[in-house]
């Protein structure tokens, strides 16, 4: 029996029975796994499936989750209080970076409360839990249009940090993702998250709207008008994040990393359609990335990671608090 099957059986079992019911009647466990023999009253004498590491792994996860959910059900009779506590539990679980556990928790909650919460309440829970589990901490926006020249400017930094790189791609984006990831903030980075054959435009737009924060690497070529059928992805991504209607919070968190002083990045003729974008950058607390000081960059990225983590936690808490505040109009298009 594979681990996915074991996991599904345990989820189904513990969604139908309490921990104490299963503990006091081991036949429930035996029947769930379709085991019929004379050892049914002494489960410890049945070594096969229950000694498998896959079973022990998922039994520990499922029973730990079920115990917490039983405490919630025992202590809170009001549906909104239950939803609030379940969402808070999901948020805390995401900080363990155990995505399998988060998925099991979400499934158990849906099964346990499907007949207790109204359809509107369950929809509210599902929409918010999706955000908590699936949204990225940040989306990183950058361009490869002037990659070789930029990489050459930062060649000393690149050589100190990376051993394998492609000069035709923006290596600075890779370095920023590396340092932020070292601090456990989760990114949508197209080089890691897009695969051959996928609809690049659609996926980038979707994921840009499903990030709590937005980081953009800004350089002089960012504001160059693009001819023909090409598109200025940096501007598109900025606009998508800004106009996103999927978030239930109005909070927008922009972080701009400049590869030169702002006065050197602003073009002599700023296109009208880029004015709002440029002003957003100008008014932000942007970082000008040093071309030679690796230690300084690492410290700046550590500080940025802390800021992003705090922002994400604040937004998630704000979203969960909306349950208590009776704001149940969560956008279902998440």
C-alpha atoms as a PDB file:
ATOM      1  CA  UNK A   1       0.000   0.000   0.000  1.00  0.00           C
ATOM      2  CA  UNK A   2       1.521   3.345  -1.052  1.00  0.00           C
ATOM      3  CA  UNK A   3       1.736   6.340   1.250  1.00  0.00           C
ATOM      4  CA  UNK A   4      -0.927   8.322  -0.598  1.00  0.00           C
ATOM      5  CA  UNK A   5      -3.444   5.530   0.031  1.00  0.00           C
ATOM      6  CA  UNK A   6      -2.407   5.319   3.710  1.00  0.00           C
ATOM      7  CA  UNK A   7      -2.846   9.070   4.065  1.00  0.00           C
ATOM      8  CA  UNK A   8      -6.316   9.048   2.499  1.00  0.00           C
ATOM      9  CA  UNK A   9      -7.508   6.178   4.710  1.00  0.00           C
ATOM     10  CA  UNK A  10      -6.315   7.909   7.888  1.00  0.00           C
ATOM     11  CA  UNK A  11      -7.906  11.233   6.904  1.00  0.00           C
ATOM     12  CA  UNK A  12     -11.227   9.523   6.196  1.00  0.00           C
ATOM     13  CA  UNK A  13     -11.083   7.519   9.431  1.00  0.00           C
ATOM     14  CA  UNK A  14     -10.294  10.473  11.698  1.00  0.00           C
ATOM     15  CA  UNK A  15     -12.836  12.686   9.995  1.00  0.00           C
ATOM     16  CA  UNK A  16     -15.576  10.189  10.913  1.00  0.00           C
ATOM     17  CA  UNK A  17     -14.488   9.193  14.415  1.00  0.00           C
ATOM     18  CA  UNK A  18     -12.894  10.866  17.421  1.00  0.00           C
ATOM     19  CA  UNK A  19      -9.444   9.970  18.686  1.00  0.00           C
ATOM     20  CA  UNK A  20     -10.879   8.312  21.785  1.00  0.00           C
ATOM     21  CA  UNK A  21     -13.384   6.265  19.733  1.00  0.00           C
ATOM     22  CA  UNK A  22     -10.601   4.872  17.568  1.00  0.00           C
ATOM     23  CA  UNK A  23      -8.334   4.265  20.567  1.00  0.00           C
ATOM     24  CA  UNK A  24     -11.054   2.355  22.422  1.00  0.00           C
ATOM     25  CA  UNK A  25     -12.179   0.366  19.398  1.00  0.00           C
ATOM     26  CA  UNK A  26      -9.242  -0.733  17.283  1.00  0.00           C
ATOM     27  CA  UNK A  27     -11.631  -2.582  14.950  1.00  0.00           C
ATOM     28  CA  UNK A  28     -12.379   0.825  13.402  1.00  0.00           C
ATOM     29  CA  UNK A  29      -8.732   1.093  12.388  1.00  0.00           C
ATOM     30  CA  UNK A  30      -8.577  -2.501  11.185  1.00  0.00           C
ATOM     31  CA  UNK A  31     -11.723  -2.121   9.097  1.00  0.00           C
ATOM     32  CA  UNK A  32     -10.413   1.109   7.571  1.00  0.00           C
ATOM     33  CA  UNK A  33      -7.398  -0.801   6.295  1.00  0.00           C
ATOM     34  CA  UNK A  34      -9.500  -3.857   5.443  1.00  0.00           C
ATOM     35  CA  UNK A  35      -7.685  -6.098   7.923  1.00  0.00           C
ATOM     36  CA  UNK A  36      -9.597  -9.128   9.171  1.00  0.00           C
ATOM     37  CA  UNK A  37      -7.923 -11.515  11.638  1.00  0.00           C
ATOM     38  CA  UNK A  38      -7.876 -12.812  15.183  1.00  0.00           C
ATOM     39  CA  UNK A  39      -5.668  -9.980  16.412  1.00  0.00           C
ATOM     40  CA  UNK A  40      -8.350  -7.351  16.110  1.00  0.00           C
ATOM     41  CA  UNK A  41      -8.508  -6.792  19.873  1.00  0.00           C
ATOM     42  CA  UNK A  42      -4.757  -6.256  20.214  1.00  0.00           C
ATOM     43  CA  UNK A  43      -3.485  -4.049  17.450  1.00  0.00           C
ATOM     44  CA  UNK A  44       0.098  -4.152  18.741  1.00  0.00           C
ATOM     45  CA  UNK A  45       0.294  -7.816  17.660  1.00  0.00           C
ATOM     46  CA  UNK A  46      -0.358  -6.887  14.042  1.00  0.00           C
ATOM     47  CA  UNK A  47       3.029  -5.786  12.697  1.00  0.00           C
ATOM     48  CA  UNK A  48       2.494  -5.343   8.974  1.00  0.00           C
ATOM     49  CA  UNK A  49       0.946  -2.065   7.830  1.00  0.00           C
ATOM     50  CA  UNK A  50       1.132  -0.370  11.234  1.00  0.00           C
ATOM     51  CA  UNK A  51       4.903  -0.731  11.434  1.00  0.00           C
ATOM     52  CA  UNK A  52       5.452   0.904   8.091  1.00  0.00           C
ATOM     53  CA  UNK A  53       7.235   4.240   8.347  1.00  0.00           C
ATOM     54  CA  UNK A  54       4.654   5.758   5.968  1.00  0.00           C
ATOM     55  CA  UNK A  55       1.842   4.761   8.311  1.00  0.00           C
ATOM     56  CA  UNK A  56       3.641   6.049  11.398  1.00  0.00           C
ATOM     57  CA  UNK A  57       4.458   9.318   9.651  1.00  0.00           C
ATOM     58  CA  UNK A  58       0.876  10.072   8.603  1.00  0.00           C
ATOM     59  CA  UNK A  59      -0.720   8.652  11.721  1.00  0.00           C
ATOM     60  CA  UNK A  60       1.335  11.114  13.769  1.00  0.00           C
ATOM     61  CA  UNK A  61       0.367  14.060  11.537  1.00  0.00           C
ATOM     62  CA  UNK A  62      -3.341  13.185  11.319  1.00  0.00           C
ATOM     63  CA  UNK A  63      -3.796  12.480  15.050  1.00  0.00           C
ATOM     64  CA  UNK A  64      -1.923  15.648  16.005  1.00  0.00           C
ATOM     65  CA  UNK A  65      -4.200  17.702  13.734  1.00  0.00           C
ATOM     66  CA  UNK A  66      -7.365  15.913  14.866  1.00  0.00           C
ATOM     67  CA  UNK A  67      -6.483  16.525  18.512  1.00  0.00           C
ATOM     68  CA  UNK A  68      -6.193  20.291  17.888  1.00  0.00           C
ATOM     69  CA  UNK A  69      -9.449  20.355  15.922  1.00  0.00           C
ATOM     70  CA  UNK A  70     -11.255  18.467  18.662  1.00  0.00           C
ATOM     71  CA  UNK A  71     -10.056  21.089  21.154  1.00  0.00           C
ATOM     72  CA  UNK A  72     -11.443  23.826  18.882  1.00  0.00           C
ATOM     73  CA  UNK A  73     -14.790  22.038  18.580  1.00  0.00           C
ATOM     74  CA  UNK A  74     -14.962  21.500  22.338  1.00  0.00           C
ATOM     75  CA  UNK A  75     -14.065  25.086  23.285  1.00  0.00           C
ATOM     76  CA  UNK A  76     -15.979  27.018  20.606  1.00  0.00           C
ATOM     77  CA  UNK A  77     -19.586  26.437  19.630  1.00  0.00           C
ATOM     78  CA  UNK A  78     -19.967  29.558  17.495  1.00  0.00           C
ATOM     79  CA  UNK A  79     -19.255  28.870  13.814  1.00  0.00           C
ATOM     80  CA  UNK A  80     -17.282  32.050  13.221  1.00  0.00           C
ATOM     81  CA  UNK A  81     -15.103  31.349  16.233  1.00  0.00           C
ATOM     82  CA  UNK A  82     -14.444  27.870  14.856  1.00  0.00           C
ATOM     83  CA  UNK A  83     -13.583  29.239  11.411  1.00  0.00           C
ATOM     84  CA  UNK A  84     -11.291  31.840  12.940  1.00  0.00           C
ATOM     85  CA  UNK A  85      -9.440  29.231  15.020  1.00  0.00           C
ATOM     86  CA  UNK A  86      -9.145  26.830  12.081  1.00  0.00           C
ATOM     87  CA  UNK A  87      -7.714  29.555   9.846  1.00  0.00           C
ATOM     88  CA  UNK A  88      -5.298  30.639  12.564  1.00  0.00           C
ATOM     89  CA  UNK A  89      -4.204  26.999  12.935  1.00  0.00           C
ATOM     90  CA  UNK A  90      -3.619  26.834   9.171  1.00  0.00           C
ATOM     91  CA  UNK A  91      -1.548  30.017   9.284  1.00  0.00           C
ATOM     92  CA  UNK A  92       0.602  28.672  12.126  1.00  0.00           C
ATOM     93  CA  UNK A  93       1.052  25.378  10.263  1.00  0.00           C
ATOM     94  CA  UNK A  94       2.322  27.157   7.143  1.00  0.00           C
ATOM     95  CA  UNK A  95       5.223  28.466   9.235  1.00  0.00           C
ATOM     96  CA  UNK A  96       6.361  24.851   9.668  1.00  0.00           C
ATOM     97  CA  UNK A  97       6.904  24.704   5.871  1.00  0.00           C
ATOM     98  CA  UNK A  98       5.300  21.265   5.831  1.00  0.00           C
ATOM     99  CA  UNK A  99       2.993  21.555   2.823  1.00  0.00           C
ATOM    100  CA  UNK A 100       1.761  17.988   3.176  1.00  0.00           C
ATOM    101  CA  UNK A 101       0.606  18.742   6.720  1.00  0.00           C
ATOM    102  CA  UNK A 102      -1.116  21.947   5.589  1.00  0.00           C
ATOM    103  CA  UNK A 103      -2.996  20.027   2.897  1.00  0.00           C
ATOM    104  CA  UNK A 104      -4.060  17.316   5.364  1.00  0.00           C
ATOM    105  CA  UNK A 105      -5.210  19.967   7.846  1.00  0.00           C
ATOM    106  CA  UNK A 106      -7.276  21.720   5.165  1.00  0.00           C
ATOM    107  CA  UNK A 107      -8.918  18.442   4.091  1.00  0.00           C
ATOM    108  CA  UNK A 108      -9.726  17.376   7.659  1.00  0.00           C
ATOM    109  CA  UNK A 109     -11.292  20.749   8.441  1.00  0.00           C
ATOM    110  CA  UNK A 110     -13.540  20.557   5.384  1.00  0.00           C
ATOM    111  CA  UNK A 111     -14.668  17.025   6.239  1.00  0.00           C
ATOM    112  CA  UNK A 112     -15.198  17.704   9.950  1.00  0.00           C
ATOM    113  CA  UNK A 113     -17.184  20.906   9.542  1.00  0.00           C
ATOM    114  CA  UNK A 114     -19.019  20.292   6.259  1.00  0.00           C
ATOM    115  CA  UNK A 115     -22.275  19.579   8.071  1.00  0.00           C
ATOM    116  CA  UNK A 116     -21.753  22.184  10.794  1.00  0.00           C
ATOM    117  CA  UNK A 117     -21.011  25.346   8.822  1.00  0.00           C
ATOM    118  CA  UNK A 118     -23.351  26.955   6.315  1.00  0.00           C
ATOM    119  CA  UNK A 119     -22.429  26.999   2.630  1.00  0.00           C
ATOM    120  CA  UNK A 120     -21.459  30.677   2.888  1.00  0.00           C
ATOM    121  CA  UNK A 121     -19.286  29.999   5.932  1.00  0.00           C
ATOM    122  CA  UNK A 122     -17.580  27.051   4.263  1.00  0.00           C
ATOM    123  CA  UNK A 123     -16.969  29.115   1.135  1.00  0.00           C
ATOM    124  CA  UNK A 124     -15.420  31.843   3.264  1.00  0.00           C
ATOM    125  CA  UNK A 125     -13.177  29.298   4.959  1.00  0.00           C
ATOM    126  CA  UNK A 126     -12.139  27.680   1.652  1.00  0.00           C
ATOM    127  CA  UNK A 127     -11.280  30.992  -0.002  1.00  0.00           C
ATOM    128  CA  UNK A 128      -9.215  32.303   2.899  1.00  0.00           C
ATOM    129  CA  UNK A 129      -7.465  28.982   3.508  1.00  0.00           C
ATOM    130  CA  UNK A 130      -6.484  28.894  -0.169  1.00  0.00           C
ATOM    131  CA  UNK A 131      -4.783  32.262   0.233  1.00  0.00           C
ATOM    132  CA  UNK A 132      -2.987  31.216   3.418  1.00  0.00           C
ATOM    133  CA  UNK A 133      -1.711  27.941   1.956  1.00  0.00           C
ATOM    134  CA  UNK A 134      -1.032  28.802  -1.680  1.00  0.00           C
ATOM    135  CA  UNK A 135      -0.100  32.462  -2.010  1.00  0.00           C
ATOM    136  CA  UNK A 136       3.595  33.310  -2.218  1.00  0.00           C
ATOM    137  CA  UNK A 137       5.255  35.774   0.127  1.00  0.00           C
ATOM    138  CA  UNK A 138       6.479  37.788  -2.834  1.00  0.00           C
ATOM    139  CA  UNK A 139       6.661  37.968  -6.616  1.00  0.00           C
ATOM    140  CA  UNK A 140       9.957  39.074  -8.113  1.00  0.00           C
ATOM    141  CA  UNK A 141       9.818  41.194 -11.271  1.00  0.00           C
ATOM    142  CA  UNK A 142      12.866  41.805 -13.463  1.00  0.00           C
ATOM    143  CA  UNK A 143      13.998  42.014 -17.073  1.00  0.00           C
ATOM    144  CA  UNK A 144      16.572  40.108 -19.132  1.00  0.00           C
ATOM    145  CA  UNK A 145      16.698  42.818 -21.824  1.00  0.00           C
ATOM    146  CA  UNK A 146      20.037  44.227 -20.704  1.00  0.00           C
ATOM    147  CA  UNK A 147      21.246  41.173 -18.817  1.00  0.00           C
ATOM    148  CA  UNK A 148      24.779  40.914 -20.196  1.00  0.00           C
ATOM    149  CA  UNK A 149      25.690  44.530 -19.421  1.00  0.00           C
ATOM    150  CA  UNK A 150      24.142  44.432 -15.938  1.00  0.00           C
ATOM    151  CA  UNK A 151      25.813  41.126 -15.123  1.00  0.00           C
ATOM    152  CA  UNK A 152      29.141  42.546 -16.235  1.00  0.00           C
ATOM    153  CA  UNK A 153      28.728  45.535 -13.890  1.00  0.00           C
ATOM    154  CA  UNK A 154      28.085  43.143 -11.005  1.00  0.00           C
ATOM    155  CA  UNK A 155      30.625  40.507 -12.123  1.00  0.00           C
ATOM    156  CA  UNK A 156      32.637  40.653  -8.885  1.00  0.00           C
ATOM    157  CA  UNK A 157      29.529  40.136  -6.779  1.00  0.00           C
ATOM    158  CA  UNK A 158      28.316  37.334  -9.049  1.00  0.00           C
ATOM    159  CA  UNK A 159      31.655  35.515  -8.936  1.00  0.00           C
ATOM    160  CA  UNK A 160      31.656  35.617  -5.122  1.00  0.00           C
ATOM    161  CA  UNK A 161      28.136  34.273  -4.722  1.00  0.00           C
ATOM    162  CA  UNK A 162      27.411  31.877  -7.612  1.00  0.00           C
ATOM    163  CA  UNK A 163      29.463  29.228  -9.355  1.00  0.00           C
ATOM    164  CA  UNK A 164      27.039  28.463 -12.171  1.00  0.00           C
ATOM    165  CA  UNK A 165      25.255  31.160 -14.167  1.00  0.00           C
ATOM    166  CA  UNK A 166      24.120  32.271 -17.622  1.00  0.00           C
ATOM    167  CA  UNK A 167      25.208  35.787 -18.598  1.00  0.00           C
ATOM    168  CA  UNK A 168      22.229  36.099 -20.939  1.00  0.00           C
ATOM    169  CA  UNK A 169      19.857  36.036 -17.960  1.00  0.00           C
ATOM    170  CA  UNK A 170      19.476  38.511 -15.103  1.00  0.00           C
ATOM    171  CA  UNK A 171      21.783  36.964 -12.515  1.00  0.00           C
ATOM    172  CA  UNK A 172      21.046  39.704  -9.980  1.00  0.00           C
ATOM    173  CA  UNK A 173      17.466  38.376  -9.726  1.00  0.00           C
ATOM    174  CA  UNK A 174      18.888  34.935  -8.999  1.00  0.00           C
ATOM    175  CA  UNK A 175      21.130  36.334  -6.247  1.00  0.00           C
ATOM    176  CA  UNK A 176      18.275  38.245  -4.610  1.00  0.00           C
ATOM    177  CA  UNK A 177      16.065  35.126  -4.660  1.00  0.00           C
ATOM    178  CA  UNK A 178      18.953  33.108  -3.200  1.00  0.00           C
ATOM    179  CA  UNK A 179      19.459  35.451  -0.244  1.00  0.00           C
ATOM    180  CA  UNK A 180      15.757  35.945   0.462  1.00  0.00           C
ATOM    181  CA  UNK A 181      15.147  32.182   0.269  1.00  0.00           C
ATOM    182  CA  UNK A 182      17.905  31.646   2.825  1.00  0.00           C
ATOM    183  CA  UNK A 183      15.587  33.543   5.190  1.00  0.00           C
ATOM    184  CA  UNK A 184      12.592  31.290   4.392  1.00  0.00           C
ATOM    185  CA  UNK A 185      10.477  33.781   2.461  1.00  0.00           C
ATOM    186  CA  UNK A 186       8.668  32.072  -0.409  1.00  0.00           C
ATOM    187  CA  UNK A 187       8.916  33.478  -3.921  1.00  0.00           C
ATOM    188  CA  UNK A 188       7.302  33.185  -7.301  1.00  0.00           C
ATOM    189  CA  UNK A 189      10.369  33.321  -9.545  1.00  0.00           C
ATOM    190  CA  UNK A 190       9.620  32.489 -13.163  1.00  0.00           C
ATOM    191  CA  UNK A 191      12.912  30.648 -13.664  1.00  0.00           C
ATOM    192  CA  UNK A 192      11.944  28.201 -10.908  1.00  0.00           C
ATOM    193  CA  UNK A 193       8.159  28.152 -11.235  1.00  0.00           C
ATOM    194  CA  UNK A 194       7.468  28.070 -14.980  1.00  0.00           C
ATOM    195  CA  UNK A 195       7.898  25.010 -17.152  1.00  0.00           C
ATOM    196  CA  UNK A 196       8.180  24.388 -20.884  1.00  0.00           C
ATOM    197  CA  UNK A 197       4.842  24.451 -22.668  1.00  0.00           C
ATOM    198  CA  UNK A 198       2.976  26.434 -20.019  1.00  0.00           C
ATOM    199  CA  UNK A 199       1.116  29.640 -20.839  1.00  0.00           C
ATOM    200  CA  UNK A 200       3.760  32.079 -19.602  1.00  0.00           C
ATOM    201  CA  UNK A 201       1.646  35.232 -19.858  1.00  0.00           C
ATOM    202  CA  UNK A 202      -1.323  33.735 -18.024  1.00  0.00           C
ATOM    203  CA  UNK A 203       0.742  32.132 -15.262  1.00  0.00           C
ATOM    204  CA  UNK A 204       2.837  35.229 -14.619  1.00  0.00           C
ATOM    205  CA  UNK A 205      -0.260  37.416 -14.408  1.00  0.00           C
ATOM    206  CA  UNK A 206      -2.030  34.955 -12.086  1.00  0.00           C
ATOM    207  CA  UNK A 207       0.934  34.553  -9.767  1.00  0.00           C
ATOM    208  CA  UNK A 208       1.642  38.263  -9.711  1.00  0.00           C
ATOM    209  CA  UNK A 209      -1.859  38.741  -8.305  1.00  0.00           C
ATOM    210  CA  UNK A 210      -1.399  35.915  -5.797  1.00  0.00           C
ATOM    211  CA  UNK A 211       1.546  37.299  -3.873  1.00  0.00           C
ATOM    212  CA  UNK A 212       1.454  39.273  -0.644  1.00  0.00           C
ATOM    213  CA  UNK A 213       4.411  41.451  -1.656  1.00  0.00           C
ATOM    214  CA  UNK A 214       5.987  42.664  -4.885  1.00  0.00           C
ATOM    215  CA  UNK A 215       9.735  43.057  -5.446  1.00  0.00           C
ATOM    216  CA  UNK A 216      11.010  44.641  -8.619  1.00  0.00           C
ATOM    217  CA  UNK A 217      14.549  45.054  -9.884  1.00  0.00           C
ATOM    218  CA  UNK A 218      14.706  48.436 -11.602  1.00  0.00           C
ATOM    219  CA  UNK A 219      17.323  49.556 -14.123  1.00  0.00           C
ATOM    220  CA  UNK A 220      17.471  52.196 -16.886  1.00  0.00           C
ATOM    221  CA  UNK A 221      16.138  49.838 -19.563  1.00  0.00           C
ATOM    222  CA  UNK A 222      13.034  49.158 -17.439  1.00  0.00           C
ATOM    223  CA  UNK A 223      11.511  52.384 -18.782  1.00  0.00           C
ATOM    224  CA  UNK A 224      12.458  51.913 -22.423  1.00  0.00           C
ATOM    225  CA  UNK A 225       9.425  51.743 -24.720  1.00  0.00           C
ATOM    226  CA  UNK A 226       9.251  48.377 -26.472  1.00  0.00           C
ATOM    227  CA  UNK A 227       8.334  48.214 -30.163  1.00  0.00           C
ATOM    228  CA  UNK A 228       6.428  45.652 -32.205  1.00  0.00           C
ATOM    229  CA  UNK A 229       4.899  42.694 -30.360  1.00  0.00           C
ATOM    230  CA  UNK A 230       7.269  42.593 -27.410  1.00  0.00           C
ATOM    231  CA  UNK A 231       5.989  43.723 -24.046  1.00  0.00           C
ATOM    232  CA  UNK A 232       7.502  45.485 -21.089  1.00  0.00           C
ATOM    233  CA  UNK A 233       6.911  42.743 -18.556  1.00  0.00           C
ATOM    234  CA  UNK A 234       8.155  44.837 -15.637  1.00  0.00           C
ATOM    235  CA  UNK A 235       5.421  47.403 -16.271  1.00  0.00           C
ATOM    236  CA  UNK A 236       2.794  44.711 -16.878  1.00  0.00           C
ATOM    237  CA  UNK A 237       3.697  42.939 -13.638  1.00  0.00           C
ATOM    238  CA  UNK A 238       3.627  46.187 -11.669  1.00  0.00           C
ATOM    239  CA  UNK A 239       0.162  46.995 -13.078  1.00  0.00           C
ATOM    240  CA  UNK A 240      -1.170  43.478 -12.412  1.00  0.00           C
ATOM    241  CA  UNK A 241      -0.085  43.582  -8.796  1.00  0.00           C
ATOM    242  CA  UNK A 242      -1.461  47.099  -8.318  1.00  0.00           C
ATOM    243  CA  UNK A 243      -4.880  46.420  -9.790  1.00  0.00           C
ATOM    244  CA  UNK A 244      -5.279  42.952  -8.310  1.00  0.00           C
ATOM    245  CA  UNK A 245      -8.874  42.432  -7.211  1.00  0.00           C
ATOM    246  CA  UNK A 246      -8.311  38.992  -5.768  1.00  0.00           C
ATOM    247  CA  UNK A 247      -6.927  40.122  -2.425  1.00  0.00           C
ATOM    248  CA  UNK A 248      -9.421  40.825   0.339  1.00  0.00           C
ATOM    249  CA  UNK A 249      -7.060  43.424   1.752  1.00  0.00           C
ATOM    250  CA  UNK A 250      -6.207  46.753   0.154  1.00  0.00           C
ATOM    251  CA  UNK A 251      -2.662  46.554   1.501  1.00  0.00           C
ATOM    252  CA  UNK A 252      -0.060  46.598  -1.263  1.00  0.00           C
ATOM    253  CA  UNK A 253       3.586  46.083  -0.426  1.00  0.00           C
ATOM    254  CA  UNK A 254       6.072  47.242  -3.054  1.00  0.00           C
ATOM    255  CA  UNK A 255       9.829  46.846  -2.689  1.00  0.00           C
ATOM    256  CA  UNK A 256      12.100  48.227  -5.380  1.00  0.00           C
ATOM    257  CA  UNK A 257      15.762  47.315  -5.840  1.00  0.00           C
ATOM    258  CA  UNK A 258      17.602  49.785  -8.056  1.00  0.00           C
ATOM    259  CA  UNK A 259      20.711  48.851 -10.037  1.00  0.00           C
ATOM    260  CA  UNK A 260      21.788  52.502 -10.195  1.00  0.00           C
ATOM    261  CA  UNK A 261      20.937  55.803  -8.562  1.00  0.00           C
ATOM    262  CA  UNK A 262      17.372  56.924  -9.290  1.00  0.00           C
ATOM    263  CA  UNK A 263      18.610  60.008 -11.176  1.00  0.00           C
ATOM    264  CA  UNK A 264      20.526  57.712 -13.531  1.00  0.00           C
ATOM    265  CA  UNK A 265      17.578  55.376 -14.011  1.00  0.00           C
ATOM    266  CA  UNK A 266      15.002  58.030 -14.931  1.00  0.00           C
ATOM    267  CA  UNK A 267      15.004  58.427 -18.734  1.00  0.00           C
ATOM    268  CA  UNK A 268      15.385  61.856 -20.345  1.00  0.00           C
ATOM    269  CA  UNK A 269      11.851  61.404 -21.703  1.00  0.00           C
ATOM    270  CA  UNK A 270       9.648  59.410 -19.338  1.00  0.00           C
ATOM    271  CA  UNK A 271       6.715  57.839 -21.241  1.00  0.00           C
ATOM    272  CA  UNK A 272       3.400  59.106 -19.907  1.00  0.00           C
ATOM    273  CA  UNK A 273       2.112  55.588 -19.264  1.00  0.00           C
ATOM    274  CA  UNK A 274       5.074  54.982 -16.946  1.00  0.00           C
ATOM    275  CA  UNK A 275       4.611  58.100 -14.798  1.00  0.00           C
ATOM    276  CA  UNK A 276       2.570  56.463 -12.022  1.00  0.00           C
ATOM    277  CA  UNK A 277       4.971  53.514 -11.941  1.00  0.00           C
ATOM    278  CA  UNK A 278       8.053  55.731 -11.721  1.00  0.00           C
ATOM    279  CA  UNK A 279       6.474  57.881  -8.997  1.00  0.00           C
ATOM    280  CA  UNK A 280       5.685  54.745  -6.979  1.00  0.00           C
ATOM    281  CA  UNK A 281       9.375  53.845  -7.130  1.00  0.00           C
ATOM    282  CA  UNK A 282      10.508  57.383  -6.328  1.00  0.00           C
ATOM    283  CA  UNK A 283       8.236  57.598  -3.277  1.00  0.00           C
ATOM    284  CA  UNK A 284       9.235  54.188  -1.909  1.00  0.00           C
ATOM    285  CA  UNK A 285      12.090  53.261   0.423  1.00  0.00           C
ATOM    286  CA  UNK A 286      14.047  51.645  -2.378  1.00  0.00           C
ATOM    287  CA  UNK A 287      17.413  49.908  -2.153  1.00  0.00           C
ATOM    288  CA  UNK A 288      20.295  50.854  -4.456  1.00  0.00           C
ATOM    289  CA  UNK A 289      22.255  47.635  -4.889  1.00  0.00           C
ATOM    290  CA  UNK A 290      25.984  47.974  -4.306  1.00  0.00           C
ATOM    291  CA  UNK A 291      28.168  46.719  -7.177  1.00  0.00           C
ATOM    292  CA  UNK A 292      31.075  45.454  -5.060  1.00  0.00           C
ATOM    293  CA  UNK A 293      30.070  44.861  -1.437  1.00  0.00           C
ATOM    294  CA  UNK A 294      28.695  41.329  -1.044  1.00  0.00           C
ATOM    295  CA  UNK A 295      28.347  41.597   2.729  1.00  0.00           C
ATOM    296  CA  UNK A 296      26.278  44.773   2.391  1.00  0.00           C
ATOM    297  CA  UNK A 297      23.957  43.092  -0.125  1.00  0.00           C
ATOM    298  CA  UNK A 298      23.511  40.078   2.138  1.00  0.00           C
ATOM    299  CA  UNK A 299      22.616  42.318   5.087  1.00  0.00           C
ATOM    300  CA  UNK A 300      20.183  44.354   2.980  1.00  0.00           C
ATOM    301  CA  UNK A 301      18.468  41.192   1.761  1.00  0.00           C
ATOM    302  CA  UNK A 302      18.264  39.882   5.344  1.00  0.00           C
ATOM    303  CA  UNK A 303      16.572  43.120   6.369  1.00  0.00           C
ATOM    304  CA  UNK A 304      14.247  42.988   3.347  1.00  0.00           C
ATOM    305  CA  UNK A 305      13.340  39.371   4.134  1.00  0.00           C
ATOM    306  CA  UNK A 306      12.406  40.377   7.694  1.00  0.00           C
ATOM    307  CA  UNK A 307      10.250  43.243   6.369  1.00  0.00           C
ATOM    308  CA  UNK A 308       8.493  40.917   3.906  1.00  0.00           C
ATOM    309  CA  UNK A 309       7.895  38.264   6.576  1.00  0.00           C
ATOM    310  CA  UNK A 310       6.387  40.862   8.929  1.00  0.00           C
ATOM    311  CA  UNK A 311       4.210  42.283   6.138  1.00  0.00           C
ATOM    312  CA  UNK A 312       2.920  38.852   5.181  1.00  0.00           C
ATOM    313  CA  UNK A 313       2.085  37.984   8.773  1.00  0.00           C
ATOM    314  CA  UNK A 314       0.256  41.292   9.193  1.00  0.00           C
ATOM    315  CA  UNK A 315      -1.783  40.768   6.017  1.00  0.00           C
ATOM    316  CA  UNK A 316      -2.646  37.156   6.910  1.00  0.00           C
ATOM    317  CA  UNK A 317      -3.744  38.202  10.393  1.00  0.00           C
ATOM    318  CA  UNK A 318      -5.816  41.002   8.875  1.00  0.00           C
ATOM    319  CA  UNK A 319      -7.523  38.498   6.566  1.00  0.00           C
ATOM    320  CA  UNK A 320      -8.275  36.054   9.388  1.00  0.00           C
ATOM    321  CA  UNK A 321      -9.597  38.870  11.592  1.00  0.00           C
ATOM    322  CA  UNK A 322     -12.087  39.672   8.828  1.00  0.00           C
ATOM    323  CA  UNK A 323     -13.979  36.528   9.849  1.00  0.00           C
ATOM    324  CA  UNK A 324     -14.665  37.912  13.313  1.00  0.00           C
ATOM    325  CA  UNK A 325     -15.423  41.326  11.856  1.00  0.00           C
ATOM    326  CA  UNK A 326     -18.160  39.755   9.741  1.00  0.00           C
ATOM    327  CA  UNK A 327     -16.503  40.564   6.419  1.00  0.00           C
ATOM    328  CA  UNK A 328     -17.494  37.436   4.602  1.00  0.00           C
ATOM    329  CA  UNK A 329     -17.386  38.804   1.084  1.00  0.00           C
ATOM    330  CA  UNK A 330     -14.173  37.046   0.185  1.00  0.00           C
ATOM    331  CA  UNK A 331     -13.490  37.167  -3.532  1.00  0.00           C
ATOM    332  CA  UNK A 332     -14.035  33.627  -4.816  1.00  0.00           C
ATOM    333  CA  UNK A 333     -11.732  34.112  -7.829  1.00  0.00           C
ATOM    334  CA  UNK A 334      -8.580  33.316  -5.878  1.00  0.00           C
END
